[in-house]
């Protein structure tokens, strides 16, 4: 009987960890990523986007595979970067980028990031209108004026 209970606990833990994206020990999850982006150097001193990776992985329990879509189910080790497949980093505004035909969207790194982030945030907003999931440009993109 005790053996069955232990096996049930182990099996349940493995299933929960795999589904909830908590495969990392909290200390191993990269905390924050800050992306320094191109900007109009005559008007701005800097342009950046800061992504709270650990918050998404640990607090919101988003499975790794939700964003890292090339991972096998249950895997947590990320070996490639987005730019390994999405090679075109040409900057366009998001409304312009939405007009890129579906068969050409794979080429664009910045569009892949926007699709992942914004579409997820829009889904969250639909399910909970009071959420603070950013959907506007200026909630994520921070420009420092000169």
C-alpha atoms as a PDB file:
ATOM      1  CA  UNK A   1       0.000   0.000   0.000  1.00  0.00           C
ATOM      2  CA  UNK A   2       2.790   2.449   0.923  1.00  0.00           C
ATOM      3  CA  UNK A   3       4.575   1.599  -2.346  1.00  0.00           C
ATOM      4  CA  UNK A   4       1.418   2.454  -4.333  1.00  0.00           C
ATOM      5  CA  UNK A   5       1.077   5.790  -2.535  1.00  0.00           C
ATOM      6  CA  UNK A   6       4.746   6.637  -3.202  1.00  0.00           C
ATOM      7  CA  UNK A   7       4.355   5.742  -6.888  1.00  0.00           C
ATOM      8  CA  UNK A   8       1.192   7.858  -7.112  1.00  0.00           C
ATOM      9  CA  UNK A   9       2.995  10.850  -5.567  1.00  0.00           C
ATOM     10  CA  UNK A  10       5.982  10.473  -7.926  1.00  0.00           C
ATOM     11  CA  UNK A  11       3.770  10.050 -11.012  1.00  0.00           C
ATOM     12  CA  UNK A  12       1.599  13.028 -10.019  1.00  0.00           C
ATOM     13  CA  UNK A  13       4.673  15.200  -9.438  1.00  0.00           C
ATOM     14  CA  UNK A  14       6.142  14.337 -12.828  1.00  0.00           C
ATOM     15  CA  UNK A  15       2.837  15.083 -14.548  1.00  0.00           C
ATOM     16  CA  UNK A  16       2.326  18.397 -12.733  1.00  0.00           C
ATOM     17  CA  UNK A  17       5.904  19.533 -13.386  1.00  0.00           C
ATOM     18  CA  UNK A  18       5.648  18.704 -17.072  1.00  0.00           C
ATOM     19  CA  UNK A  19       2.278  20.391 -17.579  1.00  0.00           C
ATOM     20  CA  UNK A  20       2.930  23.505 -15.527  1.00  0.00           C
ATOM     21  CA  UNK A  21       6.369  24.349 -16.801  1.00  0.00           C
ATOM     22  CA  UNK A  22       8.023  24.134 -13.413  1.00  0.00           C
ATOM     23  CA  UNK A  23      10.780  21.788 -14.526  1.00  0.00           C
ATOM     24  CA  UNK A  24      13.420  24.309 -13.522  1.00  0.00           C
ATOM     25  CA  UNK A  25      14.491  24.730  -9.964  1.00  0.00           C
ATOM     26  CA  UNK A  26      13.593  28.329  -9.193  1.00  0.00           C
ATOM     27  CA  UNK A  27      17.269  29.350  -8.986  1.00  0.00           C
ATOM     28  CA  UNK A  28      17.949  28.016 -12.530  1.00  0.00           C
ATOM     29  CA  UNK A  29      15.275  30.037 -14.338  1.00  0.00           C
ATOM     30  CA  UNK A  30      16.810  33.109 -15.994  1.00  0.00           C
ATOM     31  CA  UNK A  31      15.200  35.988 -14.100  1.00  0.00           C
ATOM     32  CA  UNK A  32      14.980  38.778 -16.648  1.00  0.00           C
ATOM     33  CA  UNK A  33      15.934  39.314 -20.261  1.00  0.00           C
ATOM     34  CA  UNK A  34      16.555  42.848 -21.458  1.00  0.00           C
ATOM     35  CA  UNK A  35      16.618  43.379 -25.193  1.00  0.00           C
ATOM     36  CA  UNK A  36      18.295  46.534 -26.462  1.00  0.00           C
ATOM     37  CA  UNK A  37      16.679  47.343 -29.788  1.00  0.00           C
ATOM     38  CA  UNK A  38      17.329  49.657 -32.691  1.00  0.00           C
ATOM     39  CA  UNK A  39      15.944  53.161 -32.352  1.00  0.00           C
ATOM     40  CA  UNK A  40      15.996  56.627 -33.853  1.00  0.00           C
ATOM     41  CA  UNK A  41      19.341  57.794 -32.432  1.00  0.00           C
ATOM     42  CA  UNK A  42      18.539  61.466 -33.096  1.00  0.00           C
ATOM     43  CA  UNK A  43      15.440  61.420 -30.894  1.00  0.00           C
ATOM     44  CA  UNK A  44      16.132  58.660 -28.362  1.00  0.00           C
ATOM     45  CA  UNK A  45      19.028  57.660 -26.143  1.00  0.00           C
ATOM     46  CA  UNK A  46      17.848  54.038 -25.969  1.00  0.00           C
ATOM     47  CA  UNK A  47      15.036  51.597 -26.737  1.00  0.00           C
ATOM     48  CA  UNK A  48      14.574  48.380 -24.801  1.00  0.00           C
ATOM     49  CA  UNK A  49      12.132  45.649 -23.894  1.00  0.00           C
ATOM     50  CA  UNK A  50      12.464  43.880 -20.552  1.00  0.00           C
ATOM     51  CA  UNK A  51      10.936  40.408 -20.213  1.00  0.00           C
ATOM     52  CA  UNK A  52      10.341  38.926 -16.764  1.00  0.00           C
ATOM     53  CA  UNK A  53      11.154  35.316 -17.684  1.00  0.00           C
ATOM     54  CA  UNK A  54      11.082  33.857 -14.166  1.00  0.00           C
ATOM     55  CA  UNK A  55       7.719  35.483 -13.457  1.00  0.00           C
ATOM     56  CA  UNK A  56       6.196  33.855 -16.518  1.00  0.00           C
ATOM     57  CA  UNK A  57       7.779  30.455 -15.814  1.00  0.00           C
ATOM     58  CA  UNK A  58       7.431  30.242 -12.037  1.00  0.00           C
ATOM     59  CA  UNK A  59       4.602  32.573 -10.960  1.00  0.00           C
ATOM     60  CA  UNK A  60       2.261  32.131 -13.927  1.00  0.00           C
ATOM     61  CA  UNK A  61       3.304  28.465 -14.388  1.00  0.00           C
ATOM     62  CA  UNK A  62       3.559  28.760 -18.182  1.00  0.00           C
ATOM     63  CA  UNK A  63       5.024  25.579 -19.645  1.00  0.00           C
ATOM     64  CA  UNK A  64       8.366  26.060 -21.407  1.00  0.00           C
ATOM     65  CA  UNK A  65       6.972  24.614 -24.627  1.00  0.00           C
ATOM     66  CA  UNK A  66       4.346  27.380 -24.795  1.00  0.00           C
ATOM     67  CA  UNK A  67       7.028  29.871 -25.897  1.00  0.00           C
ATOM     68  CA  UNK A  68       9.904  27.567 -26.793  1.00  0.00           C
ATOM     69  CA  UNK A  69       7.806  25.783 -29.387  1.00  0.00           C
ATOM     70  CA  UNK A  70      10.625  23.595 -30.754  1.00  0.00           C
ATOM     71  CA  UNK A  71      11.077  21.732 -27.453  1.00  0.00           C
ATOM     72  CA  UNK A  72       9.887  18.194 -27.003  1.00  0.00           C
ATOM     73  CA  UNK A  73       7.010  17.859 -24.524  1.00  0.00           C
ATOM     74  CA  UNK A  74       8.383  17.973 -20.969  1.00  0.00           C
ATOM     75  CA  UNK A  75      11.886  19.166 -21.982  1.00  0.00           C
ATOM     76  CA  UNK A  76      13.316  22.267 -20.318  1.00  0.00           C
ATOM     77  CA  UNK A  77      16.741  22.708 -21.929  1.00  0.00           C
ATOM     78  CA  UNK A  78      16.696  25.381 -24.623  1.00  0.00           C
ATOM     79  CA  UNK A  79      19.618  25.034 -27.006  1.00  0.00           C
ATOM     80  CA  UNK A  80      18.652  27.253 -29.924  1.00  0.00           C
ATOM     81  CA  UNK A  81      17.607  30.866 -30.087  1.00  0.00           C
ATOM     82  CA  UNK A  82      14.651  32.315 -31.948  1.00  0.00           C
ATOM     83  CA  UNK A  83      17.008  33.811 -34.498  1.00  0.00           C
ATOM     84  CA  UNK A  84      18.322  30.373 -35.480  1.00  0.00           C
ATOM     85  CA  UNK A  85      15.144  29.934 -37.547  1.00  0.00           C
ATOM     86  CA  UNK A  86      13.654  33.425 -37.663  1.00  0.00           C
ATOM     87  CA  UNK A  87      16.553  35.156 -39.378  1.00  0.00           C
ATOM     88  CA  UNK A  88      15.105  38.390 -40.759  1.00  0.00           C
ATOM     89  CA  UNK A  89      15.282  41.127 -38.135  1.00  0.00           C
ATOM     90  CA  UNK A  90      14.044  43.930 -40.406  1.00  0.00           C
ATOM     91  CA  UNK A  91      12.049  46.278 -38.194  1.00  0.00           C
ATOM     92  CA  UNK A  92       8.483  47.193 -39.089  1.00  0.00           C
ATOM     93  CA  UNK A  93       5.644  48.358 -36.934  1.00  0.00           C
ATOM     94  CA  UNK A  94       3.454  45.519 -35.749  1.00  0.00           C
ATOM     95  CA  UNK A  95       0.404  46.632 -37.802  1.00  0.00           C
ATOM     96  CA  UNK A  96       2.608  46.565 -40.932  1.00  0.00           C
ATOM     97  CA  UNK A  97       3.994  43.181 -39.953  1.00  0.00           C
ATOM     98  CA  UNK A  98       0.512  41.718 -39.578  1.00  0.00           C
ATOM     99  CA  UNK A  99       0.111  42.177 -43.348  1.00  0.00           C
ATOM    100  CA  UNK A 100       2.998  39.803 -44.102  1.00  0.00           C
ATOM    101  CA  UNK A 101       1.474  36.674 -45.685  1.00  0.00           C
ATOM    102  CA  UNK A 102       1.374  33.634 -43.399  1.00  0.00           C
ATOM    103  CA  UNK A 103       3.831  31.659 -45.587  1.00  0.00           C
ATOM    104  CA  UNK A 104       6.479  34.417 -45.128  1.00  0.00           C
ATOM    105  CA  UNK A 105       6.002  35.056 -41.396  1.00  0.00           C
ATOM    106  CA  UNK A 106       8.522  32.365 -40.371  1.00  0.00           C
ATOM    107  CA  UNK A 107      11.338  34.555 -41.717  1.00  0.00           C
ATOM    108  CA  UNK A 108      10.805  37.388 -39.251  1.00  0.00           C
ATOM    109  CA  UNK A 109      12.287  37.182 -35.755  1.00  0.00           C
ATOM    110  CA  UNK A 110      10.586  40.289 -34.419  1.00  0.00           C
ATOM    111  CA  UNK A 111       7.236  39.116 -35.755  1.00  0.00           C
ATOM    112  CA  UNK A 112       7.639  35.704 -34.112  1.00  0.00           C
ATOM    113  CA  UNK A 113       8.256  37.389 -30.765  1.00  0.00           C
ATOM    114  CA  UNK A 114       5.262  39.668 -31.192  1.00  0.00           C
ATOM    115  CA  UNK A 115       3.054  36.753 -32.244  1.00  0.00           C
ATOM    116  CA  UNK A 116       4.091  34.727 -29.182  1.00  0.00           C
ATOM    117  CA  UNK A 117       3.821  37.538 -26.635  1.00  0.00           C
ATOM    118  CA  UNK A 118       0.941  39.609 -27.919  1.00  0.00           C
ATOM    119  CA  UNK A 119      -1.290  36.714 -28.936  1.00  0.00           C
ATOM    120  CA  UNK A 120      -0.839  35.061 -25.542  1.00  0.00           C
ATOM    121  CA  UNK A 121      -1.538  38.342 -23.733  1.00  0.00           C
ATOM    122  CA  UNK A 122      -4.661  38.892 -25.865  1.00  0.00           C
ATOM    123  CA  UNK A 123      -5.887  35.392 -24.960  1.00  0.00           C
ATOM    124  CA  UNK A 124      -5.307  36.116 -21.260  1.00  0.00           C
ATOM    125  CA  UNK A 125      -7.134  39.434 -21.549  1.00  0.00           C
ATOM    126  CA  UNK A 126     -10.146  37.715 -23.173  1.00  0.00           C
ATOM    127  CA  UNK A 127     -10.363  35.219 -20.327  1.00  0.00           C
ATOM    128  CA  UNK A 128      -9.825  37.841 -17.592  1.00  0.00           C
ATOM    129  CA  UNK A 129     -10.570  41.451 -18.499  1.00  0.00           C
ATOM    130  CA  UNK A 130      -8.938  42.713 -15.277  1.00  0.00           C
ATOM    131  CA  UNK A 131      -5.554  41.208 -15.991  1.00  0.00           C
ATOM    132  CA  UNK A 132      -2.531  43.457 -16.462  1.00  0.00           C
ATOM    133  CA  UNK A 133      -1.179  41.501 -19.447  1.00  0.00           C
ATOM    134  CA  UNK A 134       0.317  44.156 -21.710  1.00  0.00           C
ATOM    135  CA  UNK A 135      -1.210  44.456 -25.167  1.00  0.00           C
ATOM    136  CA  UNK A 136      -0.120  47.978 -26.133  1.00  0.00           C
ATOM    137  CA  UNK A 137       3.296  48.823 -27.595  1.00  0.00           C
ATOM    138  CA  UNK A 138       4.341  51.208 -24.826  1.00  0.00           C
ATOM    139  CA  UNK A 139       3.679  48.701 -22.050  1.00  0.00           C
ATOM    140  CA  UNK A 140       6.733  46.682 -23.164  1.00  0.00           C
ATOM    141  CA  UNK A 141       8.776  49.011 -25.378  1.00  0.00           C
ATOM    142  CA  UNK A 142      10.562  51.664 -23.316  1.00  0.00           C
ATOM    143  CA  UNK A 143      12.204  54.583 -25.055  1.00  0.00           C
ATOM    144  CA  UNK A 144      14.535  56.923 -23.237  1.00  0.00           C
ATOM    145  CA  UNK A 145      14.522  60.396 -24.798  1.00  0.00           C
ATOM    146  CA  UNK A 146      17.754  62.301 -25.189  1.00  0.00           C
END
